[in-house]
Amino acid sequence: MQSPRTFELSGEARMALGQILGIMTDAVMSEGISGDTSDAMTGSAPRWDLEHVLELEMRLDIPTNGSSPDVLEETSVVTIGIDDAALLLDGMAFTEVASADLPWIEMVRWTADFIATELRQHWTDDEWRSLAAR
């Protein structure tokens, strides 16, 4: 975990991130791909480390579909690194591209923008540039 930060996430935010992580897991499992980058803009198959995706899902304490409605109201304190946030942002970009022809694309775009803003705020622009340079 690189440059870890601890902050609160609502149950709804964790559920939304859980959906993204689920899509990422499905994509990796269906393609049998493992790696550490993806090319969502070209629509090519993602290359995510499945272990990282699953470990992040566990650390975020993602509510399951069978959870009680009260779970959505619970706020949890989570610790994630900038590499975890970058993985989530990459998954959101992949999801956005994959949803381009669906009728609810505007909701997907709004959600992606909202989550990106929420995640990016915990690290400085210099930290993001440093990560991108690696």
C-alpha atoms as a PDB file:
ATOM      1  CA  MET A   1       0.000   0.000   0.000  1.00  0.00           C
ATOM      2  CA  GLN A   2       1.533   3.275  -1.117  1.00  0.00           C
ATOM      3  CA  SER A   3       0.923   6.563   0.732  1.00  0.00           C
ATOM      4  CA  PRO A   4      -1.933   5.218   2.890  1.00  0.00           C
ATOM      5  CA  ARG A   5      -4.735   7.491   4.025  1.00  0.00           C
ATOM      6  CA  THR A   6      -7.505   6.792   6.539  1.00  0.00           C
ATOM      7  CA  PHE A   7     -10.941   8.328   6.044  1.00  0.00           C
ATOM      8  CA  GLU A   8     -14.641   7.586   6.373  1.00  0.00           C
ATOM      9  CA  LEU A   9     -16.782   6.000   3.665  1.00  0.00           C
ATOM     10  CA  SER A  10     -20.540   5.656   3.850  1.00  0.00           C
ATOM     11  CA  GLY A  11     -22.199   2.312   3.307  1.00  0.00           C
ATOM     12  CA  GLU A  12     -23.564   3.594  -0.003  1.00  0.00           C
ATOM     13  CA  ALA A  13     -20.068   4.614  -1.143  1.00  0.00           C
ATOM     14  CA  ARG A  14     -18.684   1.227  -0.113  1.00  0.00           C
ATOM     15  CA  MET A  15     -21.535  -0.477  -1.991  1.00  0.00           C
ATOM     16  CA  ALA A  16     -20.774   1.590  -5.133  1.00  0.00           C
ATOM     17  CA  LEU A  17     -17.084   0.724  -4.901  1.00  0.00           C
ATOM     18  CA  GLY A  18     -18.086  -2.891  -4.346  1.00  0.00           C
ATOM     19  CA  GLN A  19     -19.977  -2.814  -7.650  1.00  0.00           C
ATOM     20  CA  ILE A  20     -16.868  -1.484  -9.404  1.00  0.00           C
ATOM     21  CA  LEU A  21     -14.675  -4.135  -7.762  1.00  0.00           C
ATOM     22  CA  GLY A  22     -17.201  -6.815  -8.733  1.00  0.00           C
ATOM     23  CA  ILE A  23     -17.102  -5.695 -12.367  1.00  0.00           C
ATOM     24  CA  MET A  24     -13.307  -5.739 -12.220  1.00  0.00           C
ATOM     25  CA  THR A  25     -13.285  -9.242 -10.734  1.00  0.00           C
ATOM     26  CA  ASP A  26     -15.704 -10.484 -13.401  1.00  0.00           C
ATOM     27  CA  ALA A  27     -13.554  -8.969 -16.153  1.00  0.00           C
ATOM     28  CA  VAL A  28     -10.368 -10.543 -14.827  1.00  0.00           C
ATOM     29  CA  MET A  29     -12.006 -13.916 -14.273  1.00  0.00           C
ATOM     30  CA  SER A  30     -13.622 -13.970 -17.712  1.00  0.00           C
ATOM     31  CA  GLU A  31     -10.383 -13.051 -19.453  1.00  0.00           C
ATOM     32  CA  GLY A  32      -8.029 -15.002 -17.203  1.00  0.00           C
ATOM     33  CA  ILE A  33      -5.787 -11.937 -17.088  1.00  0.00           C
ATOM     34  CA  SER A  34      -3.490 -10.791 -14.300  1.00  0.00           C
ATOM     35  CA  GLY A  35      -1.208  -7.780 -14.267  1.00  0.00           C
ATOM     36  CA  ASP A  36      -1.118  -4.227 -13.040  1.00  0.00           C
ATOM     37  CA  THR A  37      -2.441  -1.973 -15.838  1.00  0.00           C
ATOM     38  CA  SER A  38      -5.467  -1.660 -18.084  1.00  0.00           C
ATOM     39  CA  ASP A  39      -6.374   0.176 -21.220  1.00  0.00           C
ATOM     40  CA  ALA A  40     -10.001   1.129 -20.654  1.00  0.00           C
ATOM     41  CA  MET A  41      -9.915   3.848 -23.297  1.00  0.00           C
ATOM     42  CA  THR A  42      -9.309   1.363 -26.114  1.00  0.00           C
ATOM     43  CA  GLY A  43     -11.790  -1.133 -24.727  1.00  0.00           C
ATOM     44  CA  SER A  44      -9.148  -3.816 -24.452  1.00  0.00           C
ATOM     45  CA  ALA A  45      -9.312  -6.303 -21.641  1.00  0.00           C
ATOM     46  CA  PRO A  46      -8.146  -5.016 -18.251  1.00  0.00           C
ATOM     47  CA  ARG A  47      -4.969  -6.228 -16.613  1.00  0.00           C
ATOM     48  CA  TRP A  48      -5.568  -6.072 -12.911  1.00  0.00           C
ATOM     49  CA  ASP A  49      -4.035  -8.135 -10.165  1.00  0.00           C
ATOM     50  CA  LEU A  50      -6.993 -10.209  -8.955  1.00  0.00           C
ATOM     51  CA  GLU A  51      -5.450 -10.632  -5.510  1.00  0.00           C
ATOM     52  CA  HIS A  52      -5.174  -6.836  -5.146  1.00  0.00           C
ATOM     53  CA  VAL A  53      -8.794  -6.380  -6.207  1.00  0.00           C
ATOM     54  CA  LEU A  54     -10.071  -9.006  -3.748  1.00  0.00           C
ATOM     55  CA  GLU A  55      -7.860  -7.764  -0.914  1.00  0.00           C
ATOM     56  CA  LEU A  56      -9.092  -4.206  -1.455  1.00  0.00           C
ATOM     57  CA  GLU A  57     -12.684  -5.420  -1.396  1.00  0.00           C
ATOM     58  CA  MET A  58     -12.044  -7.052   1.978  1.00  0.00           C
ATOM     59  CA  ARG A  59     -10.309  -3.958   3.398  1.00  0.00           C
ATOM     60  CA  LEU A  60     -13.178  -1.714   2.315  1.00  0.00           C
ATOM     61  CA  ASP A  61     -15.601  -4.015   4.164  1.00  0.00           C
ATOM     62  CA  ILE A  62     -17.921  -4.042   1.158  1.00  0.00           C
ATOM     63  CA  PRO A  63     -21.539  -4.789   2.120  1.00  0.00           C
ATOM     64  CA  THR A  64     -22.904  -7.859   0.382  1.00  0.00           C
ATOM     65  CA  ASN A  65     -26.147  -7.942  -1.605  1.00  0.00           C
ATOM     66  CA  GLY A  66     -27.711  -9.908   1.234  1.00  0.00           C
ATOM     67  CA  SER A  67     -26.829  -7.257   3.836  1.00  0.00           C
ATOM     68  CA  SER A  68     -29.542  -5.572   5.801  1.00  0.00           C
ATOM     69  CA  PRO A  69     -30.619  -2.091   4.637  1.00  0.00           C
ATOM     70  CA  ASP A  70     -29.012  -0.664   7.794  1.00  0.00           C
ATOM     71  CA  VAL A  71     -25.567  -1.468   6.358  1.00  0.00           C
ATOM     72  CA  LEU A  72     -26.069   1.260   3.767  1.00  0.00           C
ATOM     73  CA  GLU A  73     -26.413   3.816   6.551  1.00  0.00           C
ATOM     74  CA  GLU A  74     -23.230   2.731   8.357  1.00  0.00           C
ATOM     75  CA  THR A  75     -20.083   4.768   7.880  1.00  0.00           C
ATOM     76  CA  SER A  76     -16.787   2.918   8.126  1.00  0.00           C
ATOM     77  CA  VAL A  77     -13.269   4.163   8.573  1.00  0.00           C
ATOM     78  CA  VAL A  78     -11.078   2.701   5.828  1.00  0.00           C
ATOM     79  CA  THR A  79      -7.389   2.866   4.996  1.00  0.00           C
ATOM     80  CA  ILE A  80      -6.366   2.770   1.369  1.00  0.00           C
ATOM     81  CA  GLY A  81      -3.239   3.698  -0.500  1.00  0.00           C
ATOM     82  CA  ILE A  82      -2.910   5.850  -3.562  1.00  0.00           C
ATOM     83  CA  ASP A  83      -2.290   2.634  -5.527  1.00  0.00           C
ATOM     84  CA  ASP A  84      -5.658   1.312  -4.288  1.00  0.00           C
ATOM     85  CA  ALA A  85      -7.376   4.561  -5.307  1.00  0.00           C
ATOM     86  CA  ALA A  86      -5.707   4.377  -8.725  1.00  0.00           C
ATOM     87  CA  LEU A  87      -6.959   0.797  -9.119  1.00  0.00           C
ATOM     88  CA  LEU A  88     -10.510   1.906  -8.276  1.00  0.00           C
ATOM     89  CA  LEU A  89     -10.297   4.842 -10.698  1.00  0.00           C
ATOM     90  CA  ASP A  90      -9.061   2.510 -13.427  1.00  0.00           C
ATOM     91  CA  GLY A  91     -11.964   0.163 -12.736  1.00  0.00           C
ATOM     92  CA  MET A  92     -14.396   3.061 -12.944  1.00  0.00           C
ATOM     93  CA  ALA A  93     -12.934   4.150 -16.287  1.00  0.00           C
ATOM     94  CA  PHE A  94     -13.296   0.600 -17.594  1.00  0.00           C
ATOM     95  CA  THR A  95     -16.898   0.456 -16.347  1.00  0.00           C
ATOM     96  CA  GLU A  96     -17.697   3.813 -17.933  1.00  0.00           C
ATOM     97  CA  VAL A  97     -16.336   2.749 -21.319  1.00  0.00           C
ATOM     98  CA  ALA A  98     -18.091  -0.626 -21.095  1.00  0.00           C
ATOM     99  CA  SER A  99     -21.378   1.170 -20.308  1.00  0.00           C
ATOM    100  CA  ALA A 100     -21.140   3.724 -23.113  1.00  0.00           C
ATOM    101  CA  ASP A 101     -24.060   2.292 -25.108  1.00  0.00           C
ATOM    102  CA  LEU A 102     -26.358   1.688 -22.152  1.00  0.00           C
ATOM    103  CA  PRO A 103     -29.319   3.985 -21.437  1.00  0.00           C
ATOM    104  CA  TRP A 104     -28.032   4.821 -17.942  1.00  0.00           C
ATOM    105  CA  ILE A 105     -24.573   6.017 -19.075  1.00  0.00           C
ATOM    106  CA  GLU A 106     -25.157   9.518 -17.702  1.00  0.00           C
ATOM    107  CA  MET A 107     -25.696   8.075 -14.208  1.00  0.00           C
ATOM    108  CA  VAL A 108     -22.524   5.990 -14.602  1.00  0.00           C
ATOM    109  CA  ARG A 109     -20.582   9.117 -15.640  1.00  0.00           C
ATOM    110  CA  TRP A 110     -21.962  11.169 -12.764  1.00  0.00           C
ATOM    111  CA  THR A 111     -21.114   8.425 -10.268  1.00  0.00           C
ATOM    112  CA  ALA A 112     -17.617   7.999 -11.708  1.00  0.00           C
ATOM    113  CA  ASP A 113     -16.960  11.756 -11.502  1.00  0.00           C
ATOM    114  CA  PHE A 114     -18.268  11.901  -7.932  1.00  0.00           C
ATOM    115  CA  ILE A 115     -16.197   8.944  -6.735  1.00  0.00           C
ATOM    116  CA  ALA A 116     -13.094  10.182  -8.561  1.00  0.00           C
ATOM    117  CA  THR A 117     -13.387  13.535  -6.808  1.00  0.00           C
ATOM    118  CA  GLU A 118     -13.910  11.851  -3.443  1.00  0.00           C
ATOM    119  CA  LEU A 119     -10.904   9.546  -3.865  1.00  0.00           C
ATOM    120  CA  ARG A 120      -8.472  11.997  -5.455  1.00  0.00           C
ATOM    121  CA  GLN A 121      -8.867  14.588  -2.686  1.00  0.00           C
ATOM    122  CA  HIS A 122      -6.898  12.526  -0.172  1.00  0.00           C
ATOM    123  CA  TRP A 123      -3.603  12.870  -2.068  1.00  0.00           C
ATOM    124  CA  THR A 124      -1.856  15.905  -3.494  1.00  0.00           C
ATOM    125  CA  ASP A 125      -1.471  16.537  -7.210  1.00  0.00           C
ATOM    126  CA  ASP A 126       2.255  15.908  -6.775  1.00  0.00           C
ATOM    127  CA  GLU A 127       1.535  12.467  -5.296  1.00  0.00           C
ATOM    128  CA  TRP A 128      -0.736  11.607  -8.230  1.00  0.00           C
ATOM    129  CA  ARG A 129       1.902  12.814 -10.715  1.00  0.00           C
ATOM    130  CA  SER A 130       4.548  10.752  -8.951  1.00  0.00           C
ATOM    131  CA  LEU A 131       2.369   7.645  -9.165  1.00  0.00           C
ATOM    132  CA  ALA A 132       1.692   8.252 -12.855  1.00  0.00           C
ATOM    133  CA  ALA A 133       5.416   8.611 -13.553  1.00  0.00           C
ATOM    134  CA  ARG A 134       6.131   5.074 -12.271  1.00  0.00           C
END
